[in-house]
N, C-alpha and C. Protein backbone atom coordinates (compact mmCIF):
# COMPACT_ATOMS: atom_id res chain seq x y z
N MET A 1 19.93 13.56 -31.85
CA MET A 1 18.41 13.66 -31.86
C MET A 1 17.70 12.57 -32.08
N VAL A 2 18.67 11.40 -32.46
CA VAL A 2 17.77 10.11 -32.74
C VAL A 2 17.58 9.35 -31.51
N LYS A 3 18.26 9.35 -30.42
CA LYS A 3 18.28 8.97 -29.51
C LYS A 3 17.20 9.69 -28.63
N ARG A 4 16.76 10.78 -28.60
CA ARG A 4 15.65 11.82 -28.02
C ARG A 4 14.28 11.35 -29.05
N THR A 5 14.56 11.07 -29.96
CA THR A 5 13.38 10.42 -30.65
C THR A 5 13.04 9.22 -30.33
N THR A 6 13.85 8.32 -30.25
CA THR A 6 13.80 6.84 -29.97
C THR A 6 13.38 6.87 -28.55
N LYS A 7 13.78 7.66 -27.40
CA LYS A 7 13.37 7.50 -26.04
C LYS A 7 11.70 8.16 -26.14
N ARG A 8 11.29 9.01 -27.03
CA ARG A 8 9.75 9.73 -27.08
C ARG A 8 9.35 8.68 -27.51
N LEU A 9 9.27 7.85 -28.56
CA LEU A 9 8.83 6.73 -29.10
C LEU A 9 8.78 5.33 -28.13
N LEU A 10 9.76 5.07 -27.30
CA LEU A 10 9.19 4.14 -26.56
C LEU A 10 8.31 4.53 -25.15
N ALA A 11 8.58 5.85 -24.90
CA ALA A 11 7.55 6.58 -23.96
C ALA A 11 5.88 6.29 -24.21
N VAL A 12 5.75 6.74 -25.66
CA VAL A 12 4.63 6.91 -26.22
C VAL A 12 4.30 5.20 -26.07
N ALA A 13 5.04 4.39 -26.75
CA ALA A 13 4.62 3.16 -26.62
C ALA A 13 4.44 2.11 -25.21
N ILE A 14 4.64 2.94 -24.37
CA ILE A 14 4.56 2.66 -23.05
C ILE A 14 3.25 2.95 -22.34
N VAL A 15 2.95 4.09 -22.77
CA VAL A 15 1.82 4.70 -22.32
C VAL A 15 0.67 4.20 -22.99
N VAL A 16 0.79 3.75 -24.03
CA VAL A 16 -0.15 3.27 -25.09
C VAL A 16 -0.72 1.94 -24.55
N ALA A 17 0.67 0.88 -23.97
CA ALA A 17 0.42 -0.05 -23.98
C ALA A 17 -0.28 -0.32 -22.23
N LEU A 18 0.14 0.73 -21.56
CA LEU A 18 -0.77 0.91 -20.13
C LEU A 18 -2.03 0.95 -20.29
N VAL A 19 -2.04 1.88 -21.34
CA VAL A 19 -3.71 2.64 -21.32
C VAL A 19 -4.56 1.45 -21.88
N LEU A 20 -4.19 0.54 -22.62
CA LEU A 20 -4.83 -0.44 -23.42
C LEU A 20 -5.14 -1.41 -22.22
N LEU A 21 -3.79 -1.99 -21.33
CA LEU A 21 -4.04 -3.11 -20.25
C LEU A 21 -5.54 -2.53 -19.33
N ALA A 22 -5.22 -1.04 -19.23
CA ALA A 22 -6.31 -0.57 -18.25
C ALA A 22 -7.55 -0.85 -18.77
N THR A 23 -7.61 -0.33 -20.12
CA THR A 23 -9.10 -0.36 -20.65
C THR A 23 -9.67 -1.88 -20.93
N HIS A 24 -8.71 -2.78 -21.42
CA HIS A 24 -9.12 -4.21 -21.11
C HIS A 24 -9.42 -4.56 -19.77
N ALA A 25 -8.53 -4.00 -18.66
CA ALA A 25 -9.34 -4.68 -17.25
C ALA A 25 -10.57 -4.18 -16.56
N VAL A 26 -10.69 -2.93 -17.32
CA VAL A 26 -11.78 -2.14 -16.65
C VAL A 26 -13.28 -2.80 -17.22
N SER A 27 -13.29 -3.43 -18.31
CA SER A 27 -13.91 -3.35 -19.35
C SER A 27 -14.36 -5.01 -19.47
N HIS A 28 -13.58 -5.73 -18.85
CA HIS A 28 -13.31 -7.28 -18.64
C HIS A 28 -14.19 -7.73 -17.94
N TRP A 29 -15.61 -8.50 -18.52
CA TRP A 29 -16.35 -9.45 -17.62
C TRP A 29 -16.50 -10.69 -18.27
N HIS A 30 -17.56 -11.58 -17.62
CA HIS A 30 -17.86 -12.72 -17.76
C HIS A 30 -19.14 -13.11 -17.83
N ALA A 31 -19.86 -14.35 -18.82
CA ALA A 31 -20.99 -14.32 -18.96
C ALA A 31 -21.59 -15.29 -18.00
N HIS A 32 -20.54 -16.11 -17.50
CA HIS A 32 -20.60 -17.06 -16.39
C HIS A 32 -19.95 -16.77 -14.98
N ALA A 33 -20.51 -17.09 -13.72
CA ALA A 33 -19.57 -16.52 -12.81
C ALA A 33 -18.11 -17.51 -12.57
N TYR A 34 -18.40 -18.94 -13.49
CA TYR A 34 -17.62 -19.74 -12.94
C TYR A 34 -16.50 -19.78 -13.83
N ASP A 35 -16.26 -18.90 -14.77
CA ASP A 35 -15.39 -18.77 -15.70
C ASP A 35 -14.40 -17.66 -15.04
N GLU A 36 -14.69 -16.78 -13.82
CA GLU A 36 -13.81 -16.05 -13.27
C GLU A 36 -12.60 -17.11 -12.51
N ASP A 37 -12.78 -18.28 -12.23
CA ASP A 37 -11.94 -19.35 -11.25
C ASP A 37 -10.66 -19.57 -12.20
N HIS A 38 -10.68 -19.31 -13.38
CA HIS A 38 -10.02 -19.41 -14.26
C HIS A 38 -9.23 -18.47 -15.09
N CYS A 39 -9.61 -17.31 -14.94
CA CYS A 39 -8.98 -16.37 -15.56
C CYS A 39 -8.17 -15.59 -15.09
N GLN A 40 -7.00 -15.30 -15.67
CA GLN A 40 -6.24 -14.62 -15.00
C GLN A 40 -5.80 -13.07 -14.91
N ILE A 41 -6.93 -12.31 -15.66
CA ILE A 41 -7.58 -11.19 -15.64
C ILE A 41 -8.04 -10.73 -14.07
N CYS A 42 -9.12 -11.62 -13.53
CA CYS A 42 -10.06 -11.81 -12.65
C CYS A 42 -8.85 -11.95 -10.97
N HIS A 43 -7.89 -12.96 -11.38
CA HIS A 43 -7.31 -13.56 -10.40
C HIS A 43 -6.25 -11.91 -10.05
N VAL A 44 -5.53 -11.65 -10.89
CA VAL A 44 -4.81 -10.48 -10.47
C VAL A 44 -5.91 -9.33 -10.08
N GLY A 45 -7.13 -8.65 -10.29
CA GLY A 45 -7.85 -7.53 -10.09
C GLY A 45 -8.14 -8.30 -8.84
N HIS A 46 -8.56 -9.10 -8.22
CA HIS A 46 -9.05 -9.46 -6.97
C HIS A 46 -7.94 -9.87 -6.01
N ALA A 47 -6.71 -9.69 -6.29
CA ALA A 47 -5.32 -10.29 -5.46
C ALA A 47 -5.31 -9.18 -4.43
N ALA A 48 -4.74 -9.69 -3.25
CA ALA A 48 -4.69 -8.13 -2.27
C ALA A 48 -3.16 -7.58 -2.21
N ILE A 49 -3.22 -6.27 -1.87
CA ILE A 49 -2.37 -5.76 -2.05
C ILE A 49 -1.59 -5.47 -0.56
N PRO A 50 -0.31 -6.00 -0.83
CA PRO A 50 0.32 -6.29 0.37
C PRO A 50 0.47 -4.87 1.10
N GLN A 51 0.17 -4.92 2.35
CA GLN A 51 0.59 -3.97 3.11
C GLN A 51 1.77 -3.91 3.99
N ALA A 52 2.28 -2.71 4.23
CA ALA A 52 3.46 -2.54 5.12
C ALA A 52 3.22 -3.21 6.57
N ALA A 53 4.03 -3.85 6.96
CA ALA A 53 3.86 -4.38 8.51
C ALA A 53 3.74 -3.01 9.62
N ALA A 54 3.10 -3.12 10.56
CA ALA A 54 2.63 -2.53 11.48
C ALA A 54 4.14 -2.00 12.20
N GLN A 55 4.00 -1.00 12.44
CA GLN A 55 5.97 -0.57 13.04
C GLN A 55 5.20 -0.22 14.68
N VAL A 56 6.35 -0.85 15.17
CA VAL A 56 6.21 -0.72 16.76
C VAL A 56 6.94 0.08 17.39
N ALA A 57 6.63 0.95 18.31
CA ALA A 57 7.81 1.81 18.72
C ALA A 57 7.74 1.51 20.43
N VAL A 58 9.28 1.17 20.45
CA VAL A 58 9.53 0.41 21.95
C VAL A 58 9.94 1.70 23.07
N GLN A 59 9.23 1.44 23.69
CA GLN A 59 9.45 3.00 25.04
C GLN A 59 10.28 2.73 26.17
N ALA A 60 11.02 3.22 26.91
CA ALA A 60 11.69 2.63 27.79
C ALA A 60 10.62 2.83 28.97
N ALA A 61 11.19 1.80 30.10
CA ALA A 61 10.01 2.07 30.79
C ALA A 61 10.60 3.15 32.16
N ALA A 62 9.54 3.83 32.69
CA ALA A 62 9.85 5.08 33.42
C ALA A 62 9.81 4.37 34.95
N PRO A 63 10.61 4.59 35.91
CA PRO A 63 10.62 4.20 37.21
C PRO A 63 9.79 4.77 38.04
N ILE A 64 9.19 4.08 38.76
CA ILE A 64 8.18 4.73 39.46
C ILE A 64 8.07 4.49 41.20
N ALA A 65 8.47 5.15 41.84
CA ALA A 65 8.56 4.50 43.44
C ALA A 65 7.27 4.71 44.29
N ARG A 66 6.95 3.13 44.50
CA ARG A 66 5.65 3.08 45.37
C ARG A 66 6.30 2.22 46.81
N LEU A 67 5.17 2.52 47.72
CA LEU A 67 5.76 1.77 48.90
C LEU A 67 4.74 1.45 49.40
N ALA A 68 3.97 0.10 49.64
CA ALA A 68 2.58 0.05 49.71
C ALA A 68 2.81 -0.48 51.42
N LEU A 69 2.02 0.04 52.61
CA LEU A 69 2.47 -0.31 53.83
C LEU A 69 1.00 -0.97 54.39
N ALA A 70 1.36 -1.91 54.73
CA ALA A 70 0.62 -2.97 55.47
C ALA A 70 -0.10 -2.25 56.61
N GLU A 71 -1.47 -2.23 56.95
CA GLU A 71 -2.01 -1.25 58.01
C GLU A 71 -2.27 -2.11 59.39
N GLY A 72 -1.49 -2.79 59.48
CA GLY A 72 -2.06 -3.99 60.74
C GLY A 72 -3.02 -4.66 60.73
N SER A 73 -3.46 -5.26 59.36
CA SER A 73 -4.61 -6.11 59.24
C SER A 73 -4.11 -7.41 59.19
N ALA A 74 -4.91 -7.85 60.14
CA ALA A 74 -4.45 -9.66 60.16
C ALA A 74 -5.50 -10.61 58.78
N PRO A 75 -4.70 -11.39 58.14
CA PRO A 75 -5.59 -11.99 57.05
C PRO A 75 -6.94 -12.72 57.54
N ASP A 76 -7.79 -12.79 56.90
CA ASP A 76 -9.29 -13.14 57.18
C ASP A 76 -9.31 -14.56 56.63
N LEU A 77 -9.29 -15.51 57.23
CA LEU A 77 -9.45 -16.92 56.95
C LEU A 77 -10.84 -17.19 57.08
N GLU A 78 -11.43 -17.78 56.14
CA GLU A 78 -12.63 -18.36 56.33
C GLU A 78 -12.68 -19.69 55.69
N PHE A 79 -14.02 -20.37 55.82
CA PHE A 79 -13.69 -21.80 55.43
C PHE A 79 -14.56 -21.69 53.91
N VAL A 80 -13.51 -22.31 52.79
CA VAL A 80 -14.46 -22.72 51.58
C VAL A 80 -14.74 -23.99 51.21
N GLY A 81 -15.69 -24.63 51.10
CA GLY A 81 -15.78 -25.88 51.04
C GLY A 81 -17.64 -26.24 51.23
N SER A 82 -17.29 -27.50 51.08
CA SER A 82 -18.94 -27.96 51.74
C SER A 82 -19.09 -28.81 52.60
N PRO A 83 -19.79 -29.31 53.72
CA PRO A 83 -19.74 -29.95 54.76
C PRO A 83 -19.60 -31.62 54.31
N SER A 84 -18.67 -32.56 54.49
CA SER A 84 -18.89 -33.82 53.90
C SER A 84 -19.92 -34.71 55.18
N ILE A 85 -20.98 -34.93 54.51
CA ILE A 85 -22.01 -35.73 55.25
C ILE A 85 -21.86 -37.35 54.92
N PRO A 86 -21.26 -37.76 56.49
CA PRO A 86 -21.14 -39.52 55.75
C PRO A 86 -22.60 -40.29 55.88
N ARG A 87 -22.61 -41.14 54.91
CA ARG A 87 -23.87 -42.24 54.47
C ARG A 87 -23.58 -43.55 54.56
N ALA A 88 -24.18 -44.26 54.76
CA ALA A 88 -24.15 -45.81 54.48
C ALA A 88 -23.91 -46.31 52.87
N PRO A 89 -23.27 -47.32 52.62
CA PRO A 89 -22.89 -47.57 51.50
C PRO A 89 -24.58 -48.30 50.79
N PRO A 90 -24.67 -47.97 49.95
CA PRO A 90 -25.78 -48.69 49.00
C PRO A 90 -25.94 -50.38 49.28
N ALA A 91 -27.02 -50.74 49.57
CA ALA A 91 -27.69 -52.17 49.83
C ALA A 91 -27.62 -52.74 48.61
């Protein structure tokens, strides 16, 4: 009986502590914006919640049979460049 009463009192104390902490965090505010730089409650309130890493699913490559036949086309060669016009050296 004593253990049950102790557990219940401990549970009630934990719930009351959480409610007080949540109430203080919600009603917490500063008169000046620069006060938030040193406030631990504000730091915790603005902290990013860590997210789980993205799961990557690796799939086996599916074999594909492809055969590309050349249709007797000869390579088309074109001149790419600019004509070089010789000129005399400057005087």
